[in-house]
């Protein structure tokens, strides 16, 4: 086992260069590395830092690999959400929406004690953004859920 255990999301994009620019604008991403395909304008691999975490991405190379395209758009969505736990959800939210993210679940104060919402970026990746507004016990959350799920 690694002395630095880390889980890093790595996904395939329809336009990695545009995705990198979007993440810089929407989430203040820092580009750590980008390796271009020497025979095209595609990105073979890129590493970004967002809010202290790492995300890796690349362009779709299904045509060169004789395989099925696995971008989020080609698959009709994805089953995961990348979560950003931040200090000011409203500021992060506004910046992402201004950059072109669409609202999936409106940002609001939630029964579990977070200000939380979910967006979809222009490349089909879902992102949730939250910050805590009050600390609740598990029993308080359970009770609040009863009211929320009426």
N, C-alpha and C. Protein backbone atom coordinates (compact mmCIF):
# COMPACT_ATOMS: atom_id res chain seq x y z
N UNK A 1 0.84 -1.19 0.00
CA UNK A 1 0.00 0.00 0.00
C UNK A 1 0.88 1.25 0.00
N UNK A 2 0.48 2.21 -0.77
CA UNK A 2 1.23 3.46 -0.88
C UNK A 2 1.23 4.21 0.44
N UNK A 3 2.33 4.90 0.71
CA UNK A 3 2.38 5.72 1.92
C UNK A 3 1.57 7.00 1.75
N UNK A 4 1.21 7.32 0.52
CA UNK A 4 0.39 8.47 0.20
C UNK A 4 -0.85 8.01 -0.53
N UNK A 5 -1.80 7.36 0.15
CA UNK A 5 -2.96 6.85 -0.59
C UNK A 5 -3.76 7.99 -1.22
N UNK A 6 -4.07 7.80 -2.50
CA UNK A 6 -4.78 8.82 -3.24
C UNK A 6 -5.72 8.16 -4.24
N UNK A 7 -6.86 8.74 -4.41
CA UNK A 7 -7.78 8.33 -5.46
C UNK A 7 -7.90 9.52 -6.40
N UNK A 8 -7.55 9.32 -7.67
CA UNK A 8 -7.55 10.41 -8.64
C UNK A 8 -8.52 10.07 -9.77
N UNK A 9 -9.60 10.84 -9.92
CA UNK A 9 -10.48 10.63 -11.07
C UNK A 9 -9.72 10.89 -12.37
N UNK A 10 -9.94 10.02 -13.36
CA UNK A 10 -9.31 10.15 -14.67
C UNK A 10 -10.38 9.85 -15.70
N UNK A 11 -10.68 10.81 -16.55
CA UNK A 11 -11.77 10.62 -17.49
C UNK A 11 -11.40 11.06 -18.90
N UNK A 12 -12.16 10.54 -19.84
CA UNK A 12 -11.97 10.81 -21.26
C UNK A 12 -12.96 11.88 -21.70
N UNK A 13 -12.45 12.87 -22.43
CA UNK A 13 -13.26 14.00 -22.87
C UNK A 13 -13.39 14.02 -24.39
N UNK A 14 -14.42 14.68 -24.86
CA UNK A 14 -14.57 14.88 -26.30
C UNK A 14 -13.65 15.99 -26.79
N UNK A 15 -13.22 16.89 -25.90
CA UNK A 15 -12.31 17.98 -26.25
C UNK A 15 -11.55 18.35 -24.99
N UNK A 16 -10.46 17.64 -24.73
CA UNK A 16 -9.71 17.84 -23.49
C UNK A 16 -9.16 19.25 -23.35
N UNK A 17 -8.68 19.84 -24.43
CA UNK A 17 -8.14 21.21 -24.35
C UNK A 17 -9.22 22.19 -23.89
N UNK A 18 -10.42 22.06 -24.46
CA UNK A 18 -11.53 22.93 -24.05
C UNK A 18 -11.94 22.64 -22.61
N UNK A 19 -11.92 21.37 -22.22
CA UNK A 19 -12.26 21.01 -20.84
C UNK A 19 -11.26 21.62 -19.86
N UNK A 20 -9.99 21.55 -20.20
CA UNK A 20 -8.95 22.14 -19.33
C UNK A 20 -9.22 23.63 -19.17
N UNK A 21 -9.51 24.32 -20.26
CA UNK A 21 -9.78 25.76 -20.16
C UNK A 21 -11.03 26.03 -19.33
N UNK A 22 -12.07 25.20 -19.52
CA UNK A 22 -13.28 25.37 -18.71
C UNK A 22 -12.96 25.20 -17.23
N UNK A 23 -12.21 24.16 -16.86
CA UNK A 23 -11.91 23.91 -15.45
C UNK A 23 -11.04 25.03 -14.86
N UNK A 24 -10.19 25.63 -15.66
CA UNK A 24 -9.41 26.78 -15.20
C UNK A 24 -10.35 27.95 -14.90
N UNK A 25 -11.27 28.21 -15.81
CA UNK A 25 -12.20 29.33 -15.65
C UNK A 25 -13.22 29.06 -14.55
N UNK A 26 -13.82 27.88 -14.56
CA UNK A 26 -14.92 27.58 -13.64
C UNK A 26 -14.46 27.27 -12.22
N UNK A 27 -13.35 26.55 -12.08
CA UNK A 27 -12.93 26.05 -10.77
C UNK A 27 -11.54 26.50 -10.36
N UNK A 28 -10.92 27.40 -11.13
CA UNK A 28 -9.58 27.86 -10.79
C UNK A 28 -8.53 26.76 -10.90
N UNK A 29 -8.73 25.81 -11.81
CA UNK A 29 -7.80 24.69 -11.95
C UNK A 29 -6.40 25.18 -12.31
N UNK A 30 -5.42 24.48 -11.77
CA UNK A 30 -4.02 24.72 -12.11
C UNK A 30 -3.58 23.55 -13.00
N UNK A 31 -3.07 23.85 -14.17
CA UNK A 31 -2.59 22.81 -15.07
C UNK A 31 -1.21 22.36 -14.61
N UNK A 32 -1.09 21.10 -14.23
CA UNK A 32 0.17 20.55 -13.75
C UNK A 32 0.96 19.96 -14.91
N UNK A 33 0.28 19.27 -15.81
CA UNK A 33 0.96 18.64 -16.95
C UNK A 33 -0.03 18.49 -18.10
N UNK A 34 0.51 18.56 -19.32
CA UNK A 34 -0.28 18.28 -20.52
C UNK A 34 0.66 17.67 -21.54
N UNK A 35 0.26 16.52 -22.06
CA UNK A 35 1.06 15.83 -23.07
C UNK A 35 0.20 15.68 -24.32
N UNK A 36 0.66 16.32 -25.39
CA UNK A 36 -0.09 16.32 -26.64
C UNK A 36 0.27 15.10 -27.49
N UNK A 37 -0.71 14.66 -28.27
CA UNK A 37 -0.48 13.62 -29.28
C UNK A 37 0.38 14.25 -30.36
N UNK A 38 1.55 13.68 -30.68
CA UNK A 38 2.42 14.30 -31.69
C UNK A 38 1.84 14.31 -33.10
N UNK A 39 0.77 13.55 -33.33
CA UNK A 39 0.20 13.46 -34.68
C UNK A 39 -1.13 14.19 -34.83
N UNK A 40 -1.60 14.85 -33.76
CA UNK A 40 -2.88 15.57 -33.83
C UNK A 40 -2.88 16.67 -32.78
N UNK A 41 -4.01 17.34 -32.66
CA UNK A 41 -4.13 18.37 -31.63
C UNK A 41 -4.77 17.81 -30.36
N UNK A 42 -4.88 16.50 -30.24
CA UNK A 42 -5.50 15.87 -29.08
C UNK A 42 -4.54 15.83 -27.89
N UNK A 43 -5.14 15.76 -26.70
CA UNK A 43 -4.39 15.66 -25.46
C UNK A 43 -4.34 14.18 -25.06
N UNK A 44 -3.11 13.63 -24.99
CA UNK A 44 -2.95 12.24 -24.56
C UNK A 44 -3.19 12.10 -23.06
N UNK A 45 -2.72 13.11 -22.31
CA UNK A 45 -2.86 13.08 -20.86
C UNK A 45 -2.69 14.49 -20.31
N UNK A 46 -3.51 14.84 -19.34
CA UNK A 46 -3.36 16.10 -18.62
C UNK A 46 -3.66 15.86 -17.16
N UNK A 47 -2.96 16.60 -16.32
CA UNK A 47 -3.18 16.56 -14.88
C UNK A 47 -3.49 17.97 -14.41
N UNK A 48 -4.58 18.10 -13.65
CA UNK A 48 -5.00 19.39 -13.11
C UNK A 48 -5.12 19.30 -11.60
N UNK A 49 -4.88 20.40 -10.92
CA UNK A 49 -5.16 20.54 -9.49
C UNK A 49 -6.38 21.44 -9.37
N UNK A 50 -7.40 20.94 -8.65
CA UNK A 50 -8.61 21.71 -8.41
C UNK A 50 -8.93 21.63 -6.93
N UNK A 51 -8.94 22.78 -6.27
CA UNK A 51 -9.31 22.84 -4.85
C UNK A 51 -8.48 21.87 -4.01
N UNK A 52 -7.20 21.72 -4.33
CA UNK A 52 -6.30 20.86 -3.57
C UNK A 52 -6.30 19.40 -4.01
N UNK A 53 -7.20 19.02 -4.90
CA UNK A 53 -7.26 17.64 -5.40
C UNK A 53 -6.75 17.55 -6.82
N UNK A 54 -6.57 16.33 -7.28
CA UNK A 54 -6.04 16.09 -8.62
C UNK A 54 -7.10 15.44 -9.50
N UNK A 55 -7.17 15.87 -10.75
CA UNK A 55 -8.01 15.27 -11.77
C UNK A 55 -7.12 15.04 -12.99
N UNK A 56 -7.28 13.89 -13.62
CA UNK A 56 -6.56 13.61 -14.85
C UNK A 56 -7.57 13.42 -15.97
N UNK A 57 -7.21 13.83 -17.18
CA UNK A 57 -8.11 13.67 -18.31
C UNK A 57 -7.33 13.53 -19.60
N UNK A 58 -8.02 13.06 -20.60
CA UNK A 58 -7.44 12.90 -21.93
C UNK A 58 -8.55 12.98 -22.97
N UNK A 59 -8.14 13.16 -24.22
CA UNK A 59 -9.08 13.12 -25.32
C UNK A 59 -9.44 11.68 -25.63
N UNK A 60 -10.53 11.52 -26.36
CA UNK A 60 -10.95 10.20 -26.83
C UNK A 60 -10.02 9.75 -27.96
N UNK A 61 -9.48 8.55 -27.83
CA UNK A 61 -8.63 7.96 -28.86
C UNK A 61 -9.23 6.65 -29.38
N UNK A 62 -10.56 6.53 -29.29
CA UNK A 62 -11.20 5.27 -29.68
C UNK A 62 -10.95 4.94 -31.16
N UNK A 63 -10.89 5.94 -32.01
CA UNK A 63 -10.64 5.70 -33.43
C UNK A 63 -9.27 5.09 -33.67
N UNK A 64 -8.27 5.56 -32.97
CA UNK A 64 -6.91 5.04 -33.11
C UNK A 64 -6.76 3.68 -32.43
N UNK A 65 -7.59 3.41 -31.43
CA UNK A 65 -7.46 2.18 -30.65
C UNK A 65 -8.46 1.12 -31.12
N UNK A 66 -9.24 1.45 -32.17
CA UNK A 66 -10.25 0.53 -32.69
C UNK A 66 -11.18 0.05 -31.57
N UNK A 67 -11.66 1.01 -30.80
CA UNK A 67 -12.55 0.69 -29.67
C UNK A 67 -13.75 1.63 -29.67
N UNK A 68 -14.63 1.41 -28.75
CA UNK A 68 -15.84 2.21 -28.61
C UNK A 68 -15.51 3.54 -27.91
N UNK A 69 -16.12 4.62 -28.37
CA UNK A 69 -15.95 5.92 -27.73
C UNK A 69 -16.57 5.88 -26.34
N UNK A 70 -15.83 6.36 -25.35
CA UNK A 70 -16.31 6.33 -23.96
C UNK A 70 -16.34 7.70 -23.30
N UNK A 71 -16.57 8.75 -24.11
CA UNK A 71 -16.76 10.06 -23.50
C UNK A 71 -18.12 10.08 -22.81
N UNK A 72 -18.31 10.99 -21.90
CA UNK A 72 -19.59 11.11 -21.21
C UNK A 72 -20.72 11.36 -22.20
N UNK A 73 -20.46 12.20 -23.21
CA UNK A 73 -21.49 12.49 -24.22
C UNK A 73 -21.86 11.22 -24.99
N UNK A 74 -20.85 10.43 -25.41
CA UNK A 74 -21.12 9.22 -26.18
C UNK A 74 -21.88 8.18 -25.36
N UNK A 75 -21.64 8.16 -24.06
CA UNK A 75 -22.31 7.19 -23.19
C UNK A 75 -23.67 7.69 -22.70
N UNK A 76 -23.99 8.94 -23.00
CA UNK A 76 -25.27 9.50 -22.58
C UNK A 76 -25.30 9.88 -21.12
N UNK A 77 -24.16 10.17 -20.54
CA UNK A 77 -24.07 10.56 -19.13
C UNK A 77 -23.07 9.69 -18.40
N UNK A 78 -22.96 9.91 -17.11
CA UNK A 78 -22.08 9.08 -16.30
C UNK A 78 -22.72 8.84 -14.93
N UNK A 79 -22.29 7.80 -14.23
CA UNK A 79 -22.91 7.48 -12.95
C UNK A 79 -22.21 8.11 -11.75
N UNK A 80 -21.28 9.02 -11.97
CA UNK A 80 -20.54 9.59 -10.85
C UNK A 80 -20.65 11.10 -10.81
N UNK A 81 -20.35 11.64 -9.64
CA UNK A 81 -20.32 13.08 -9.42
C UNK A 81 -18.99 13.41 -8.76
N UNK A 82 -18.30 14.43 -9.26
CA UNK A 82 -17.09 14.91 -8.61
C UNK A 82 -17.52 15.98 -7.61
N UNK A 83 -17.15 15.81 -6.35
CA UNK A 83 -17.61 16.70 -5.29
C UNK A 83 -16.52 17.68 -4.89
N UNK A 84 -16.88 18.94 -4.80
CA UNK A 84 -15.98 19.99 -4.32
C UNK A 84 -16.50 20.49 -2.97
N UNK A 85 -15.76 20.22 -1.92
CA UNK A 85 -16.07 20.74 -0.59
C UNK A 85 -15.25 22.03 -0.47
N UNK A 86 -15.92 23.16 -0.40
CA UNK A 86 -15.26 24.45 -0.51
C UNK A 86 -15.60 25.35 0.69
N UNK A 87 -14.97 26.50 0.72
CA UNK A 87 -15.23 27.45 1.81
C UNK A 87 -16.43 28.35 1.53
N UNK A 88 -16.79 28.54 0.26
CA UNK A 88 -17.91 29.40 -0.10
C UNK A 88 -18.59 28.83 -1.35
N UNK A 89 -19.57 28.00 -1.14
CA UNK A 89 -20.25 27.32 -2.25
C UNK A 89 -20.86 28.31 -3.23
N UNK A 90 -21.40 29.40 -2.74
CA UNK A 90 -22.04 30.39 -3.63
C UNK A 90 -21.04 30.98 -4.61
N UNK A 91 -19.85 31.33 -4.14
CA UNK A 91 -18.84 31.92 -5.03
C UNK A 91 -18.38 30.90 -6.07
N UNK A 92 -18.12 29.67 -5.65
CA UNK A 92 -17.70 28.62 -6.59
C UNK A 92 -18.83 28.34 -7.59
N UNK A 93 -20.05 28.29 -7.10
CA UNK A 93 -21.22 28.02 -7.94
C UNK A 93 -21.36 29.09 -9.02
N UNK A 94 -21.35 30.35 -8.60
CA UNK A 94 -21.52 31.46 -9.53
C UNK A 94 -20.44 31.45 -10.61
N UNK A 95 -19.20 31.17 -10.21
CA UNK A 95 -18.10 31.13 -11.17
C UNK A 95 -18.30 30.01 -12.19
N UNK A 96 -18.72 28.84 -11.73
CA UNK A 96 -18.93 27.69 -12.63
C UNK A 96 -20.09 27.94 -13.58
N UNK A 97 -21.18 28.49 -13.07
CA UNK A 97 -22.34 28.79 -13.92
C UNK A 97 -21.97 29.85 -14.95
N UNK A 98 -21.24 30.87 -14.53
CA UNK A 98 -20.80 31.91 -15.46
C UNK A 98 -19.90 31.35 -16.56
N UNK A 99 -19.14 30.30 -16.23
CA UNK A 99 -18.23 29.69 -17.20
C UNK A 99 -18.95 28.75 -18.16
N UNK A 100 -20.22 28.40 -17.86
CA UNK A 100 -20.99 27.57 -18.78
C UNK A 100 -21.54 26.28 -18.21
N UNK A 101 -21.40 26.06 -16.90
CA UNK A 101 -21.99 24.86 -16.30
C UNK A 101 -23.50 25.03 -16.22
N UNK A 102 -24.23 23.92 -16.33
CA UNK A 102 -25.69 23.97 -16.21
C UNK A 102 -26.12 23.39 -14.86
N UNK A 103 -27.20 23.90 -14.34
CA UNK A 103 -27.70 23.50 -13.02
C UNK A 103 -28.45 22.18 -13.13
N UNK A 104 -28.03 21.21 -12.33
CA UNK A 104 -28.70 19.92 -12.24
C UNK A 104 -29.58 19.86 -10.98
N UNK A 105 -29.09 20.41 -9.90
CA UNK A 105 -29.76 20.43 -8.60
C UNK A 105 -29.41 21.77 -7.98
N UNK A 106 -30.36 22.68 -7.83
CA UNK A 106 -30.05 24.05 -7.40
C UNK A 106 -29.30 24.11 -6.07
N UNK A 107 -28.40 25.06 -5.98
CA UNK A 107 -27.66 25.31 -4.76
C UNK A 107 -28.62 25.83 -3.69
N UNK A 108 -28.64 25.17 -2.54
CA UNK A 108 -29.55 25.57 -1.45
C UNK A 108 -29.06 24.97 -0.14
N UNK A 109 -29.58 25.48 0.96
CA UNK A 109 -29.30 24.91 2.27
C UNK A 109 -30.02 23.57 2.36
N UNK A 110 -29.29 22.52 2.71
CA UNK A 110 -29.84 21.17 2.71
C UNK A 110 -30.06 20.65 4.13
N UNK A 111 -30.93 19.65 4.23
CA UNK A 111 -31.32 19.13 5.55
C UNK A 111 -30.16 18.50 6.31
N UNK A 112 -29.10 18.10 5.66
CA UNK A 112 -27.98 17.46 6.35
C UNK A 112 -26.95 18.46 6.86
N UNK A 113 -27.20 19.76 6.63
CA UNK A 113 -26.34 20.80 7.21
C UNK A 113 -25.36 21.45 6.25
N UNK A 114 -25.44 21.13 4.97
CA UNK A 114 -24.57 21.75 3.97
C UNK A 114 -25.36 22.68 3.06
N UNK A 115 -24.68 23.66 2.52
CA UNK A 115 -25.18 24.41 1.38
C UNK A 115 -24.64 23.63 0.20
N UNK A 116 -25.52 23.08 -0.64
CA UNK A 116 -25.13 22.07 -1.63
C UNK A 116 -25.93 22.24 -2.91
N UNK A 117 -25.27 21.97 -4.03
CA UNK A 117 -25.93 21.93 -5.32
C UNK A 117 -25.11 21.12 -6.29
N UNK A 118 -25.72 20.79 -7.43
CA UNK A 118 -25.02 19.97 -8.43
C UNK A 118 -25.14 20.63 -9.80
N UNK A 119 -24.01 20.63 -10.52
CA UNK A 119 -23.90 21.21 -11.85
C UNK A 119 -23.45 20.15 -12.84
N UNK A 120 -23.64 20.43 -14.12
CA UNK A 120 -23.06 19.59 -15.17
C UNK A 120 -22.20 20.51 -16.03
N UNK A 121 -20.95 20.09 -16.27
CA UNK A 121 -20.08 20.92 -17.10
C UNK A 121 -20.40 20.71 -18.58
N UNK A 122 -19.85 21.52 -19.47
CA UNK A 122 -20.16 21.39 -20.90
C UNK A 122 -19.73 20.07 -21.52
N UNK A 123 -18.99 19.24 -20.77
CA UNK A 123 -18.49 17.97 -21.27
C UNK A 123 -19.24 16.79 -20.66
N UNK A 124 -20.33 17.11 -19.93
CA UNK A 124 -21.20 16.07 -19.39
C UNK A 124 -20.82 15.56 -18.01
N UNK A 125 -19.75 16.09 -17.41
CA UNK A 125 -19.32 15.64 -16.08
C UNK A 125 -20.14 16.39 -15.03
N UNK A 126 -20.66 15.64 -14.05
CA UNK A 126 -21.42 16.25 -12.96
C UNK A 126 -20.49 16.61 -11.80
N UNK A 127 -20.73 17.78 -11.24
CA UNK A 127 -19.96 18.30 -10.12
C UNK A 127 -20.92 18.74 -9.03
N UNK A 128 -20.66 18.37 -7.79
CA UNK A 128 -21.42 18.94 -6.68
C UNK A 128 -20.50 19.90 -5.94
N UNK A 129 -21.09 20.93 -5.40
CA UNK A 129 -20.35 21.97 -4.67
C UNK A 129 -21.06 22.17 -3.35
N UNK A 130 -20.28 22.22 -2.26
CA UNK A 130 -20.90 22.38 -0.94
C UNK A 130 -19.96 23.03 0.05
N UNK A 131 -20.57 23.62 1.05
CA UNK A 131 -19.85 24.01 2.26
C UNK A 131 -20.79 23.80 3.45
N UNK A 132 -20.21 23.44 4.61
CA UNK A 132 -21.06 23.21 5.77
C UNK A 132 -21.64 24.52 6.30
N UNK A 133 -22.91 24.44 6.72
CA UNK A 133 -23.54 25.62 7.33
C UNK A 133 -23.88 25.36 8.80
N UNK A 134 -24.07 24.08 9.16
CA UNK A 134 -24.26 23.74 10.56
C UNK A 134 -23.94 22.27 10.76
N UNK A 135 -23.41 21.96 11.93
CA UNK A 135 -23.03 20.59 12.28
C UNK A 135 -24.23 19.91 12.94
N UNK A 136 -24.67 18.81 12.32
CA UNK A 136 -25.80 18.06 12.86
C UNK A 136 -25.35 16.67 13.27
N UNK A 137 -25.99 16.14 14.28
CA UNK A 137 -25.71 14.76 14.69
C UNK A 137 -26.38 13.81 13.70
N UNK A 138 -25.96 12.55 13.67
CA UNK A 138 -26.64 11.59 12.80
C UNK A 138 -28.15 11.50 13.10
N UNK A 139 -28.54 11.60 14.36
CA UNK A 139 -29.96 11.55 14.71
C UNK A 139 -30.70 12.77 14.16
N UNK A 140 -30.08 13.94 14.22
CA UNK A 140 -30.70 15.16 13.68
C UNK A 140 -30.85 15.07 12.16
N UNK A 141 -29.85 14.51 11.50
CA UNK A 141 -29.92 14.34 10.04
C UNK A 141 -31.04 13.36 9.69
N UNK A 142 -31.13 12.27 10.44
CA UNK A 142 -32.17 11.27 10.19
C UNK A 142 -33.56 11.89 10.37
N UNK A 143 -33.73 12.68 11.39
CA UNK A 143 -35.01 13.34 11.64
C UNK A 143 -35.33 14.35 10.54
N UNK A 144 -34.33 15.12 10.14
CA UNK A 144 -34.53 16.12 9.08
C UNK A 144 -34.86 15.44 7.75
N UNK A 145 -34.29 14.27 7.51
CA UNK A 145 -34.55 13.53 6.26
C UNK A 145 -36.01 13.12 6.17
N UNK A 146 -36.62 12.81 7.30
CA UNK A 146 -38.04 12.43 7.31
C UNK A 146 -38.91 13.55 6.76
N UNK A 147 -38.58 14.76 7.10
CA UNK A 147 -39.31 15.92 6.61
C UNK A 147 -38.98 16.20 5.14
N UNK A 148 -37.70 16.03 4.76
CA UNK A 148 -37.26 16.34 3.40
C UNK A 148 -37.82 15.36 2.38
N UNK A 149 -38.05 14.12 2.79
CA UNK A 149 -38.49 13.07 1.85
C UNK A 149 -39.97 12.74 2.02
N UNK A 150 -40.79 13.77 2.18
CA UNK A 150 -42.23 13.56 2.32
C UNK A 150 -42.85 13.38 0.96
